[in-house]
Amino acid sequence: MANIKSAKKRIKVIDKKTARNRRVKEHIKAVLKSFDAALAENDLEAAEQQLKLAEKKLMQAASKGTIHKKAASRKVGRLTNRFNKAKNA
């Protein structure tokens, strides 16, 4: 346990940031699962809506520093490719 006042504050701040990052990542995982489910059911309209939501949430997480910007872009690109393959098939 920290003894210095600034170190105690840093512990509190880190806990808050960790909790926020966890919530954001869990929400992203939920959106990605719903996108996968919509693709599995061949429901392209729902999949398209989930794709838009996933892109929005991934970019928000990247802008806040929860995930890296290029990792978010890569995930969006892969999701879009999967959606386009399902749409064209």
C-alpha atoms as a PDB file:
ATOM      1  CA  MET A   1       0.000   0.000   0.000  1.00  0.00           C
ATOM      2  CA  ALA A   2       1.214   3.453  -0.884  1.00  0.00           C
ATOM      3  CA  ASN A   3       2.160   5.931   1.833  1.00  0.00           C
ATOM      4  CA  ILE A   4       2.616   9.057  -0.262  1.00  0.00           C
ATOM      5  CA  LYS A   5      -0.488  11.122  -0.984  1.00  0.00           C
ATOM      6  CA  SER A   6       0.161  11.406  -4.733  1.00  0.00           C
ATOM      7  CA  ALA A   7       0.707   7.645  -4.986  1.00  0.00           C
ATOM      8  CA  LYS A   8      -2.624   7.030  -3.241  1.00  0.00           C
ATOM      9  CA  LYS A   9      -4.323   9.346  -5.719  1.00  0.00           C
ATOM     10  CA  ARG A  10      -2.706   7.548  -8.653  1.00  0.00           C
ATOM     11  CA  ILE A  11      -4.062   4.245  -7.356  1.00  0.00           C
ATOM     12  CA  LYS A  12      -7.593   5.707  -7.306  1.00  0.00           C
ATOM     13  CA  VAL A  13      -7.209   7.158 -10.795  1.00  0.00           C
ATOM     14  CA  ILE A  14      -5.859   3.903 -12.203  1.00  0.00           C
ATOM     15  CA  ASP A  15      -8.765   1.975 -10.674  1.00  0.00           C
ATOM     16  CA  LYS A  16     -11.268   4.324 -12.321  1.00  0.00           C
ATOM     17  CA  LYS A  17      -9.562   4.107 -15.694  1.00  0.00           C
ATOM     18  CA  THR A  18      -9.305   0.314 -15.471  1.00  0.00           C
ATOM     19  CA  ALA A  19     -13.012   0.046 -14.694  1.00  0.00           C
ATOM     20  CA  ARG A  20     -13.896   2.315 -17.619  1.00  0.00           C
ATOM     21  CA  ASN A  21     -11.673   0.387 -20.034  1.00  0.00           C
ATOM     22  CA  ARG A  22     -13.229  -2.883 -18.880  1.00  0.00           C
ATOM     23  CA  ARG A  23     -16.752  -1.560 -19.480  1.00  0.00           C
ATOM     24  CA  VAL A  24     -15.848  -0.294 -22.936  1.00  0.00           C
ATOM     25  CA  LYS A  25     -14.179  -3.569 -23.943  1.00  0.00           C
ATOM     26  CA  GLU A  26     -17.092  -5.643 -22.647  1.00  0.00           C
ATOM     27  CA  HIS A  27     -19.523  -3.484 -24.619  1.00  0.00           C
ATOM     28  CA  ILE A  28     -17.434  -3.900 -27.785  1.00  0.00           C
ATOM     29  CA  LYS A  29     -17.392  -7.678 -27.285  1.00  0.00           C
ATOM     30  CA  ALA A  30     -21.178  -7.709 -26.910  1.00  0.00           C
ATOM     31  CA  VAL A  31     -21.640  -5.720 -30.125  1.00  0.00           C
ATOM     32  CA  LEU A  32     -19.258  -8.025 -32.001  1.00  0.00           C
ATOM     33  CA  LYS A  33     -21.126 -11.087 -30.751  1.00  0.00           C
ATOM     34  CA  SER A  34     -24.439  -9.648 -31.928  1.00  0.00           C
ATOM     35  CA  PHE A  35     -22.844  -8.934 -35.329  1.00  0.00           C
ATOM     36  CA  ASP A  36     -21.626 -12.538 -35.523  1.00  0.00           C
ATOM     37  CA  ALA A  37     -25.070 -13.829 -34.559  1.00  0.00           C
ATOM     38  CA  ALA A  38     -26.757 -11.710 -37.231  1.00  0.00           C
ATOM     39  CA  LEU A  39     -24.319 -12.973 -39.874  1.00  0.00           C
ATOM     40  CA  ALA A  40     -24.836 -16.569 -38.760  1.00  0.00           C
ATOM     41  CA  GLU A  41     -28.606 -16.152 -39.173  1.00  0.00           C
ATOM     42  CA  ASN A  42     -28.128 -14.494 -42.601  1.00  0.00           C
ATOM     43  CA  ASP A  43     -29.942 -11.402 -41.323  1.00  0.00           C
ATOM     44  CA  LEU A  44     -28.067  -8.837 -43.414  1.00  0.00           C
ATOM     45  CA  GLU A  45     -30.091  -5.818 -42.292  1.00  0.00           C
ATOM     46  CA  ALA A  46     -29.395  -6.482 -38.627  1.00  0.00           C
ATOM     47  CA  ALA A  47     -25.769  -7.308 -39.442  1.00  0.00           C
ATOM     48  CA  GLU A  48     -25.384  -3.983 -41.246  1.00  0.00           C
ATOM     49  CA  GLN A  49     -26.768  -2.083 -38.256  1.00  0.00           C
ATOM     50  CA  GLN A  50     -24.485  -3.992 -35.896  1.00  0.00           C
ATOM     51  CA  LEU A  51     -21.538  -3.298 -38.203  1.00  0.00           C
ATOM     52  CA  LYS A  52     -22.212   0.437 -38.033  1.00  0.00           C
ATOM     53  CA  LEU A  53     -22.549   0.275 -34.258  1.00  0.00           C
ATOM     54  CA  ALA A  54     -19.372  -1.804 -33.950  1.00  0.00           C
ATOM     55  CA  GLU A  55     -17.419   0.679 -36.066  1.00  0.00           C
ATOM     56  CA  LYS A  56     -18.691   3.569 -33.950  1.00  0.00           C
ATOM     57  CA  LYS A  57     -17.829   1.876 -30.661  1.00  0.00           C
ATOM     58  CA  LEU A  58     -14.390   0.737 -31.858  1.00  0.00           C
ATOM     59  CA  MET A  59     -13.472   4.224 -33.042  1.00  0.00           C
ATOM     60  CA  GLN A  60     -14.704   5.761 -29.787  1.00  0.00           C
ATOM     61  CA  ALA A  61     -12.574   3.314 -27.821  1.00  0.00           C
ATOM     62  CA  ALA A  62      -9.588   4.136 -30.010  1.00  0.00           C
ATOM     63  CA  SER A  63     -10.041   7.869 -29.569  1.00  0.00           C
ATOM     64  CA  LYS A  64     -10.107   7.461 -25.784  1.00  0.00           C
ATOM     65  CA  GLY A  65      -7.010   5.259 -25.818  1.00  0.00           C
ATOM     66  CA  THR A  66      -8.730   2.082 -24.651  1.00  0.00           C
ATOM     67  CA  ILE A  67      -7.514   0.242 -27.744  1.00  0.00           C
ATOM     68  CA  HIS A  68      -4.962   1.265 -30.355  1.00  0.00           C
ATOM     69  CA  LYS A  69      -6.220   3.226 -33.387  1.00  0.00           C
ATOM     70  CA  LYS A  70      -4.742   0.795 -35.880  1.00  0.00           C
ATOM     71  CA  ALA A  71      -6.170  -2.194 -34.006  1.00  0.00           C
ATOM     72  CA  ALA A  72      -9.617  -0.589 -34.208  1.00  0.00           C
ATOM     73  CA  SER A  73      -9.213   0.106 -37.921  1.00  0.00           C
ATOM     74  CA  ARG A  74      -8.033  -3.444 -38.542  1.00  0.00           C
ATOM     75  CA  LYS A  75     -11.049  -4.893 -36.721  1.00  0.00           C
ATOM     76  CA  VAL A  76     -13.449  -2.644 -38.645  1.00  0.00           C
ATOM     77  CA  GLY A  77     -11.840  -3.676 -41.925  1.00  0.00           C
ATOM     78  CA  ARG A  78     -12.125  -7.360 -41.124  1.00  0.00           C
ATOM     79  CA  LEU A  79     -15.750  -7.004 -40.055  1.00  0.00           C
ATOM     80  CA  THR A  80     -16.551  -5.107 -43.249  1.00  0.00           C
ATOM     81  CA  ASN A  81     -14.887  -7.797 -45.370  1.00  0.00           C
ATOM     82  CA  ARG A  82     -16.920 -10.504 -43.644  1.00  0.00           C
ATOM     83  CA  PHE A  83     -20.126  -8.534 -44.158  1.00  0.00           C
ATOM     84  CA  ASN A  84     -19.384  -7.909 -47.840  1.00  0.00           C
ATOM     85  CA  LYS A  85     -18.613 -11.605 -48.442  1.00  0.00           C
ATOM     86  CA  ALA A  86     -21.904 -12.577 -46.798  1.00  0.00           C
ATOM     87  CA  LYS A  87     -23.781  -9.960 -48.814  1.00  0.00           C
ATOM     88  CA  ASN A  88     -22.289 -11.093 -52.126  1.00  0.00           C
ATOM     89  CA  ALA A  89     -22.753 -14.794 -51.418  1.00  0.00           C
END
